[in-house]
Amino acid sequence: MPCRLLALLCLFLASPLAAQPASPVSPPIPDMDNRMAACAGCHGEYGRSQRETYYPSIAGKPAGYLYEQLLNFRAGRRHQTQMQQMLTPLSTDYMREMAAYYAGQTAARHPSDADALDPAAAARGEQLALHGDAALDVPACRDCHGAGLRGGGPYVPGLVGLRREYIEAQLGGWQSGARSALAPDCMATIAQRLSGEDMAAVAGWIAAQPVQPKAAGETEIGPLPMNCGAVR
């Protein structure tokens, strides 16, 4: 079933009308598993996207981050027609429930991306991800997204497990203004300092990293290197 139809079905299931029985013999939608089932057409069952799809896995992402993204889609700071159509009529309380539901799911454990990386691009991507580039005033990805790029706190998502094409597209969106967040938009600032080659390199390197659970004793991220409006 096309994602557009699934999104419309998801909207119906999420609406108060859908929560009521259509007739005395039609049971109501009992729980969030059923309400969110149609969203699996794009984001995978329980928010665990398949590796061959463009749409990202959202299972296990921080609830605050997911809620902010729902608000961003609804407000037009992120542009995706199906998401905007689905979210426009929904209340903020219901979007909080959606975010909490997916945050409570177990994140997908995919193997690393099998795509081969050019050695020079891999080295550049690793540098940007782990050390940043002082000459460009670009902090390391791990300074915000955690040592293992698994995220931290309620508003910072993990990056491992996302496809190269998706990561590169998001960086390009921030660079062009097609994607934005609450000001000051730190990701837009970073993306605008990167070349197309840099974005491809860091996206490829991150996508090649295996998804692993947080190590014992791994702490949340510390103070951010930049002021980010989306991080409370």
C-alpha atoms as a PDB file:
ATOM      1  CA  MET A   1       0.000   0.000   0.000  1.00  0.00           C
ATOM      2  CA  PRO A   2       1.505   3.415  -0.895  1.00  0.00           C
ATOM      3  CA  CYS A   3       2.750   5.509   2.009  1.00  0.00           C
ATOM      4  CA  ARG A   4       0.208   8.246   1.180  1.00  0.00           C
ATOM      5  CA  LEU A   5      -2.678   5.847   1.791  1.00  0.00           C
ATOM      6  CA  LEU A   6      -1.018   4.512   4.910  1.00  0.00           C
ATOM      7  CA  ALA A   7      -0.530   8.027   6.236  1.00  0.00           C
ATOM      8  CA  LEU A   8      -4.203   8.817   5.684  1.00  0.00           C
ATOM      9  CA  LEU A   9      -5.168   5.585   7.412  1.00  0.00           C
ATOM     10  CA  CYS A  10      -2.840   6.460  10.283  1.00  0.00           C
ATOM     11  CA  LEU A  11      -4.543   9.853  10.532  1.00  0.00           C
ATOM     12  CA  PHE A  12      -7.929   8.157  10.722  1.00  0.00           C
ATOM     13  CA  LEU A  13      -6.779   5.752  13.403  1.00  0.00           C
ATOM     14  CA  ALA A  14      -5.303   8.629  15.380  1.00  0.00           C
ATOM     15  CA  SER A  15      -8.461  10.722  15.287  1.00  0.00           C
ATOM     16  CA  PRO A  16     -10.994  10.783  18.123  1.00  0.00           C
ATOM     17  CA  LEU A  17     -13.635   9.559  15.689  1.00  0.00           C
ATOM     18  CA  ALA A  18     -11.652   6.415  14.961  1.00  0.00           C
ATOM     19  CA  ALA A  19     -11.411   5.664  18.652  1.00  0.00           C
ATOM     20  CA  GLN A  20     -15.201   5.227  18.866  1.00  0.00           C
ATOM     21  CA  PRO A  21     -17.005   2.056  17.737  1.00  0.00           C
ATOM     22  CA  ALA A  22     -18.645   2.496  14.338  1.00  0.00           C
ATOM     23  CA  SER A  23     -21.529   0.250  15.416  1.00  0.00           C
ATOM     24  CA  PRO A  24     -22.531  -1.840  18.454  1.00  0.00           C
ATOM     25  CA  VAL A  25     -20.600  -4.788  17.018  1.00  0.00           C
ATOM     26  CA  SER A  26     -17.431  -2.848  16.061  1.00  0.00           C
ATOM     27  CA  PRO A  27     -14.902  -2.746  18.925  1.00  0.00           C
ATOM     28  CA  PRO A  28     -12.973   0.482  19.565  1.00  0.00           C
ATOM     29  CA  ILE A  29      -9.274   0.777  18.809  1.00  0.00           C
ATOM     30  CA  PRO A  30      -7.890  -0.455  22.139  1.00  0.00           C
ATOM     31  CA  ASP A  31      -4.299   0.767  22.297  1.00  0.00           C
ATOM     32  CA  MET A  32      -1.453   2.618  20.657  1.00  0.00           C
ATOM     33  CA  ASP A  33      -0.134  -0.514  18.935  1.00  0.00           C
ATOM     34  CA  ASN A  34      -3.267  -0.577  16.806  1.00  0.00           C
ATOM     35  CA  ARG A  35      -3.490   3.186  16.430  1.00  0.00           C
ATOM     36  CA  MET A  36       0.069   3.408  15.106  1.00  0.00           C
ATOM     37  CA  ALA A  37       0.020   0.233  12.997  1.00  0.00           C
ATOM     38  CA  ALA A  38      -0.546   2.073   9.712  1.00  0.00           C
ATOM     39  CA  CYS A  39       2.594   4.150  10.274  1.00  0.00           C
ATOM     40  CA  ALA A  40       4.582   0.918   9.893  1.00  0.00           C
ATOM     41  CA  GLY A  41       4.189   1.200   6.122  1.00  0.00           C
ATOM     42  CA  CYS A  42       6.902   3.871   6.110  1.00  0.00           C
ATOM     43  CA  HIS A  43       8.691   3.598   9.467  1.00  0.00           C
ATOM     44  CA  GLY A  44       8.497  -0.161   9.956  1.00  0.00           C
ATOM     45  CA  GLU A  45       6.725  -2.260  12.561  1.00  0.00           C
ATOM     46  CA  TYR A  46       6.971  -0.525  15.945  1.00  0.00           C
ATOM     47  CA  GLY A  47       9.048   2.190  14.265  1.00  0.00           C
ATOM     48  CA  ARG A  48      11.873  -0.136  13.190  1.00  0.00           C
ATOM     49  CA  SER A  49      12.501   0.733   9.561  1.00  0.00           C
ATOM     50  CA  GLN A  50      14.036  -1.812   7.223  1.00  0.00           C
ATOM     51  CA  ARG A  51      17.556  -1.039   6.049  1.00  0.00           C
ATOM     52  CA  GLU A  52      16.580  -0.944   2.383  1.00  0.00           C
ATOM     53  CA  THR A  53      14.044   1.839   2.892  1.00  0.00           C
ATOM     54  CA  TYR A  54      14.657   5.589   2.952  1.00  0.00           C
ATOM     55  CA  TYR A  55      12.351   6.287   5.880  1.00  0.00           C
ATOM     56  CA  PRO A  56      14.176   6.364   9.222  1.00  0.00           C
ATOM     57  CA  SER A  57      13.736   4.086  12.191  1.00  0.00           C
ATOM     58  CA  ILE A  58      12.127   6.038  15.016  1.00  0.00           C
ATOM     59  CA  ALA A  59      11.930   3.302  17.659  1.00  0.00           C
ATOM     60  CA  GLY A  60      13.844   4.219  20.780  1.00  0.00           C
ATOM     61  CA  LYS A  61      14.468   7.833  19.790  1.00  0.00           C
ATOM     62  CA  PRO A  62      14.112  10.287  22.700  1.00  0.00           C
ATOM     63  CA  ALA A  63      10.500  11.270  23.298  1.00  0.00           C
ATOM     64  CA  GLY A  64      11.340  14.964  23.440  1.00  0.00           C
ATOM     65  CA  TYR A  65      13.126  14.769  20.100  1.00  0.00           C
ATOM     66  CA  LEU A  66      10.269  12.886  18.423  1.00  0.00           C
ATOM     67  CA  TYR A  67       7.726  15.352  19.787  1.00  0.00           C
ATOM     68  CA  GLU A  68       9.772  18.298  18.489  1.00  0.00           C
ATOM     69  CA  GLN A  69       9.927  16.705  15.033  1.00  0.00           C
ATOM     70  CA  LEU A  70       6.163  16.223  14.972  1.00  0.00           C
ATOM     71  CA  LEU A  71       5.772  19.901  15.852  1.00  0.00           C
ATOM     72  CA  ASN A  72       8.314  20.839  13.176  1.00  0.00           C
ATOM     73  CA  PHE A  73       6.431  18.905  10.498  1.00  0.00           C
ATOM     74  CA  ARG A  74       3.130  20.453  11.530  1.00  0.00           C
ATOM     75  CA  ALA A  75       4.609  23.973  11.596  1.00  0.00           C
ATOM     76  CA  GLY A  76       6.368  23.553   8.234  1.00  0.00           C
ATOM     77  CA  ARG A  77       9.908  23.679   9.597  1.00  0.00           C
ATOM     78  CA  ARG A  78      10.273  20.205   8.102  1.00  0.00           C
ATOM     79  CA  HIS A  79       8.683  19.543   4.728  1.00  0.00           C
ATOM     80  CA  GLN A  80       6.991  16.248   3.956  1.00  0.00           C
ATOM     81  CA  THR A  81       3.470  16.387   2.568  1.00  0.00           C
ATOM     82  CA  GLN A  82       2.208  13.140   4.069  1.00  0.00           C
ATOM     83  CA  MET A  83       3.477  13.994   7.537  1.00  0.00           C
ATOM     84  CA  GLN A  84       1.985  17.486   7.399  1.00  0.00           C
ATOM     85  CA  GLN A  85      -1.388  16.140   6.259  1.00  0.00           C
ATOM     86  CA  MET A  86      -1.389  13.572   9.031  1.00  0.00           C
ATOM     87  CA  LEU A  87      -0.354  15.919  11.830  1.00  0.00           C
ATOM     88  CA  THR A  88      -2.264  19.106  11.020  1.00  0.00           C
ATOM     89  CA  PRO A  89      -5.520  18.077  12.763  1.00  0.00           C
ATOM     90  CA  LEU A  90      -3.880  16.377  15.748  1.00  0.00           C
ATOM     91  CA  SER A  91      -3.612  17.887  19.204  1.00  0.00           C
ATOM     92  CA  THR A  92      -0.259  18.443  20.864  1.00  0.00           C
ATOM     93  CA  ASP A  93      -1.317  16.065  23.643  1.00  0.00           C
ATOM     94  CA  TYR A  94      -1.870  13.284  21.136  1.00  0.00           C
ATOM     95  CA  MET A  95       1.486  13.982  19.486  1.00  0.00           C
ATOM     96  CA  ARG A  96       3.111  13.629  22.904  1.00  0.00           C
ATOM     97  CA  GLU A  97       1.458  10.219  23.200  1.00  0.00           C
ATOM     98  CA  MET A  98       2.781   9.231  19.775  1.00  0.00           C
ATOM     99  CA  ALA A  99       6.289  10.349  20.707  1.00  0.00           C
ATOM    100  CA  ALA A 100       6.174   8.487  24.014  1.00  0.00           C
ATOM    101  CA  TYR A 101       4.940   5.342  22.274  1.00  0.00           C
ATOM    102  CA  TYR A 102       7.818   5.217  19.795  1.00  0.00           C
ATOM    103  CA  ALA A 103      10.367   6.272  22.406  1.00  0.00           C
ATOM    104  CA  GLY A 104       9.305   3.252  24.434  1.00  0.00           C
ATOM    105  CA  GLN A 105      10.037   0.790  21.632  1.00  0.00           C
ATOM    106  CA  THR A 106      13.308  -1.110  21.360  1.00  0.00           C
ATOM    107  CA  ALA A 107      15.584   0.417  18.746  1.00  0.00           C
ATOM    108  CA  ALA A 108      16.454  -1.629  15.680  1.00  0.00           C
ATOM    109  CA  ARG A 109      19.762  -3.500  15.803  1.00  0.00           C
ATOM    110  CA  HIS A 110      20.921  -3.426  12.212  1.00  0.00           C
ATOM    111  CA  PRO A 111      24.307  -4.587  10.963  1.00  0.00           C
ATOM    112  CA  SER A 112      26.548  -1.893   9.562  1.00  0.00           C
ATOM    113  CA  ASP A 113      25.841  -0.495   6.121  1.00  0.00           C
ATOM    114  CA  ALA A 114      27.487  -2.806   3.597  1.00  0.00           C
ATOM    115  CA  ASP A 115      28.238  -0.040   1.100  1.00  0.00           C
ATOM    116  CA  ALA A 116      31.982   0.298   0.593  1.00  0.00           C
ATOM    117  CA  LEU A 117      33.474   3.677   1.430  1.00  0.00           C
ATOM    118  CA  ASP A 118      36.316   5.316  -0.425  1.00  0.00           C
ATOM    119  CA  PRO A 119      39.239   5.323   2.061  1.00  0.00           C
ATOM    120  CA  ALA A 120      39.759   9.082   1.808  1.00  0.00           C
ATOM    121  CA  ALA A 121      36.046   9.777   2.280  1.00  0.00           C
ATOM    122  CA  ALA A 122      35.908   7.330   5.191  1.00  0.00           C
ATOM    123  CA  ALA A 123      38.821   9.087   6.885  1.00  0.00           C
ATOM    124  CA  ARG A 124      37.205  12.486   6.404  1.00  0.00           C
ATOM    125  CA  GLY A 125      33.869  11.218   7.679  1.00  0.00           C
ATOM    126  CA  GLU A 126      35.492   9.706  10.755  1.00  0.00           C
ATOM    127  CA  GLN A 127      37.313  12.972  11.442  1.00  0.00           C
ATOM    128  CA  LEU A 128      34.110  15.002  11.286  1.00  0.00           C
ATOM    129  CA  ALA A 129      32.134  12.516  13.367  1.00  0.00           C
ATOM    130  CA  LEU A 130      34.704  11.994  16.110  1.00  0.00           C
ATOM    131  CA  HIS A 131      36.855  15.134  16.105  1.00  0.00           C
ATOM    132  CA  GLY A 132      35.118  17.830  14.062  1.00  0.00           C
ATOM    133  CA  ASP A 133      37.027  20.440  12.058  1.00  0.00           C
ATOM    134  CA  ALA A 134      38.403  23.392  13.993  1.00  0.00           C
ATOM    135  CA  ALA A 135      39.278  25.275  10.798  1.00  0.00           C
ATOM    136  CA  LEU A 136      35.605  25.204   9.766  1.00  0.00           C
ATOM    137  CA  ASP A 137      34.411  25.762  13.353  1.00  0.00           C
ATOM    138  CA  VAL A 138      32.480  22.493  13.130  1.00  0.00           C
ATOM    139  CA  PRO A 139      32.214  20.437  16.334  1.00  0.00           C
ATOM    140  CA  ALA A 140      32.375  16.654  16.278  1.00  0.00           C
ATOM    141  CA  CYS A 141      29.080  14.831  15.825  1.00  0.00           C
ATOM    142  CA  ARG A 142      29.757  12.901  19.015  1.00  0.00           C
ATOM    143  CA  ASP A 143      29.996  16.128  21.032  1.00  0.00           C
ATOM    144  CA  CYS A 144      26.213  16.407  20.723  1.00  0.00           C
ATOM    145  CA  HIS A 145      25.043  12.920  19.731  1.00  0.00           C
ATOM    146  CA  GLY A 146      27.132  10.983  22.249  1.00  0.00           C
ATOM    147  CA  ALA A 147      30.383   9.033  22.138  1.00  0.00           C
ATOM    148  CA  GLY A 148      28.729   6.119  20.352  1.00  0.00           C
ATOM    149  CA  LEU A 149      26.456   8.427  18.322  1.00  0.00           C
ATOM    150  CA  ARG A 150      23.546   6.836  20.188  1.00  0.00           C
ATOM    151  CA  GLY A 151      22.055  10.118  21.369  1.00  0.00           C
ATOM    152  CA  GLY A 152      21.559  11.447  24.844  1.00  0.00           C
ATOM    153  CA  GLY A 153      19.005  13.269  26.933  1.00  0.00           C
ATOM    154  CA  PRO A 154      15.410  13.864  25.875  1.00  0.00           C
ATOM    155  CA  TYR A 155      16.097  15.920  22.739  1.00  0.00           C
ATOM    156  CA  VAL A 156      19.247  14.555  21.068  1.00  0.00           C
ATOM    157  CA  PRO A 157      18.727  11.571  18.729  1.00  0.00           C
ATOM    158  CA  GLY A 158      21.077   8.743  17.920  1.00  0.00           C
ATOM    159  CA  LEU A 159      22.544   8.673  14.418  1.00  0.00           C
ATOM    160  CA  VAL A 160      23.754   5.093  14.033  1.00  0.00           C
ATOM    161  CA  GLY A 161      21.299   2.857  12.243  1.00  0.00           C
ATOM    162  CA  LEU A 162      20.247   5.554   9.768  1.00  0.00           C
ATOM    163  CA  ARG A 163      20.916   5.111   6.076  1.00  0.00           C
ATOM    164  CA  ARG A 164      23.558   7.171   4.308  1.00  0.00           C
ATOM    165  CA  GLU A 165      21.010   8.670   1.913  1.00  0.00           C
ATOM    166  CA  TYR A 166      18.776   9.788   4.762  1.00  0.00           C
ATOM    167  CA  ILE A 167      21.579  11.416   6.768  1.00  0.00           C
ATOM    168  CA  GLU A 168      22.945  13.188   3.705  1.00  0.00           C
ATOM    169  CA  ALA A 169      19.468  14.393   2.742  1.00  0.00           C
ATOM    170  CA  GLN A 170      18.884  15.868   6.204  1.00  0.00           C
ATOM    171  CA  LEU A 171      22.217  17.694   6.148  1.00  0.00           C
ATOM    172  CA  GLY A 172      21.374  19.015   2.692  1.00  0.00           C
ATOM    173  CA  GLY A 173      17.971  20.121   3.943  1.00  0.00           C
ATOM    174  CA  TRP A 174      19.526  22.082   6.786  1.00  0.00           C
ATOM    175  CA  GLN A 175      22.056  23.622   4.420  1.00  0.00           C
ATOM    176  CA  SER A 176      19.395  24.730   1.928  1.00  0.00           C
ATOM    177  CA  GLY A 177      16.801  25.777   4.498  1.00  0.00           C
ATOM    178  CA  ALA A 178      14.359  23.025   3.542  1.00  0.00           C
ATOM    179  CA  ARG A 179      14.666  21.734   7.103  1.00  0.00           C
ATOM    180  CA  SER A 180      14.900  23.941  10.164  1.00  0.00           C
ATOM    181  CA  ALA A 181      14.503  23.821  13.920  1.00  0.00           C
ATOM    182  CA  LEU A 182      13.883  26.307  16.689  1.00  0.00           C
ATOM    183  CA  ALA A 183      16.398  29.153  16.710  1.00  0.00           C
ATOM    184  CA  PRO A 184      19.274  29.164  17.188  1.00  0.00           C
ATOM    185  CA  ASP A 185      19.338  26.324  14.673  1.00  0.00           C
ATOM    186  CA  CYS A 186      22.702  24.734  15.410  1.00  0.00           C
ATOM    187  CA  MET A 187      22.383  21.994  12.790  1.00  0.00           C
ATOM    188  CA  ALA A 188      21.697  24.545  10.063  1.00  0.00           C
ATOM    189  CA  THR A 189      24.794  26.456  11.149  1.00  0.00           C
ATOM    190  CA  ILE A 190      26.925  23.310  11.014  1.00  0.00           C
ATOM    191  CA  ALA A 191      25.555  22.131   7.665  1.00  0.00           C
ATOM    192  CA  GLN A 192      26.180  25.514   6.069  1.00  0.00           C
ATOM    193  CA  ARG A 193      29.862  25.186   6.965  1.00  0.00           C
ATOM    194  CA  LEU A 194      30.214  21.801   5.254  1.00  0.00           C
ATOM    195  CA  SER A 195      30.846  21.071   1.599  1.00  0.00           C
ATOM    196  CA  GLY A 196      28.821  18.527  -0.325  1.00  0.00           C
ATOM    197  CA  GLU A 197      31.787  16.168  -0.145  1.00  0.00           C
ATOM    198  CA  ASP A 198      31.963  16.589   3.632  1.00  0.00           C
ATOM    199  CA  MET A 199      28.265  15.803   4.042  1.00  0.00           C
ATOM    200  CA  ALA A 200      28.574  12.690   1.888  1.00  0.00           C
ATOM    201  CA  ALA A 201      31.669  11.553   3.791  1.00  0.00           C
ATOM    202  CA  VAL A 202      30.250  11.913   7.288  1.00  0.00           C
ATOM    203  CA  ALA A 203      26.904  10.420   6.249  1.00  0.00           C
ATOM    204  CA  GLY A 204      28.660   7.416   4.738  1.00  0.00           C
ATOM    205  CA  TRP A 205      30.892   6.877   7.750  1.00  0.00           C
ATOM    206  CA  ILE A 206      28.025   7.082  10.255  1.00  0.00           C
ATOM    207  CA  ALA A 207      25.870   4.723   8.170  1.00  0.00           C
ATOM    208  CA  ALA A 208      28.708   2.184   8.173  1.00  0.00           C
ATOM    209  CA  GLN A 209      28.788   1.979  11.982  1.00  0.00           C
ATOM    210  CA  PRO A 210      26.965  -0.929  13.633  1.00  0.00           C
ATOM    211  CA  VAL A 211      24.069  -0.225  15.960  1.00  0.00           C
ATOM    212  CA  GLN A 212      24.983  -1.366  19.445  1.00  0.00           C
ATOM    213  CA  PRO A 213      23.380  -0.845  22.856  1.00  0.00           C
ATOM    214  CA  LYS A 214      24.879   1.730  25.169  1.00  0.00           C
ATOM    215  CA  ALA A 215      27.896   0.466  27.049  1.00  0.00           C
ATOM    216  CA  ALA A 216      27.669  -0.115  30.785  1.00  0.00           C
ATOM    217  CA  GLY A 217      28.379   3.135  32.573  1.00  0.00           C
ATOM    218  CA  GLU A 218      28.025   5.226  29.423  1.00  0.00           C
ATOM    219  CA  THR A 219      26.875   8.656  30.510  1.00  0.00           C
ATOM    220  CA  GLU A 220      24.603  11.134  28.833  1.00  0.00           C
ATOM    221  CA  ILE A 221      26.164  13.905  26.789  1.00  0.00           C
ATOM    222  CA  GLY A 222      27.718  16.846  28.574  1.00  0.00           C
ATOM    223  CA  PRO A 223      27.358  20.557  27.778  1.00  0.00           C
ATOM    224  CA  LEU A 224      26.789  21.140  24.087  1.00  0.00           C
ATOM    225  CA  PRO A 225      29.483  22.939  22.075  1.00  0.00           C
ATOM    226  CA  MET A 226      26.858  25.226  20.515  1.00  0.00           C
ATOM    227  CA  ASN A 227      23.630  26.860  21.612  1.00  0.00           C
ATOM    228  CA  CYS A 228      20.764  24.830  20.136  1.00  0.00           C
ATOM    229  CA  GLY A 229      17.208  26.087  20.400  1.00  0.00           C
ATOM    230  CA  ALA A 230      15.746  22.590  20.014  1.00  0.00           C
ATOM    231  CA  VAL A 231      17.614  21.296  23.081  1.00  0.00           C
ATOM    232  CA  ARG A 232      16.001  22.365  26.331  1.00  0.00           C
END
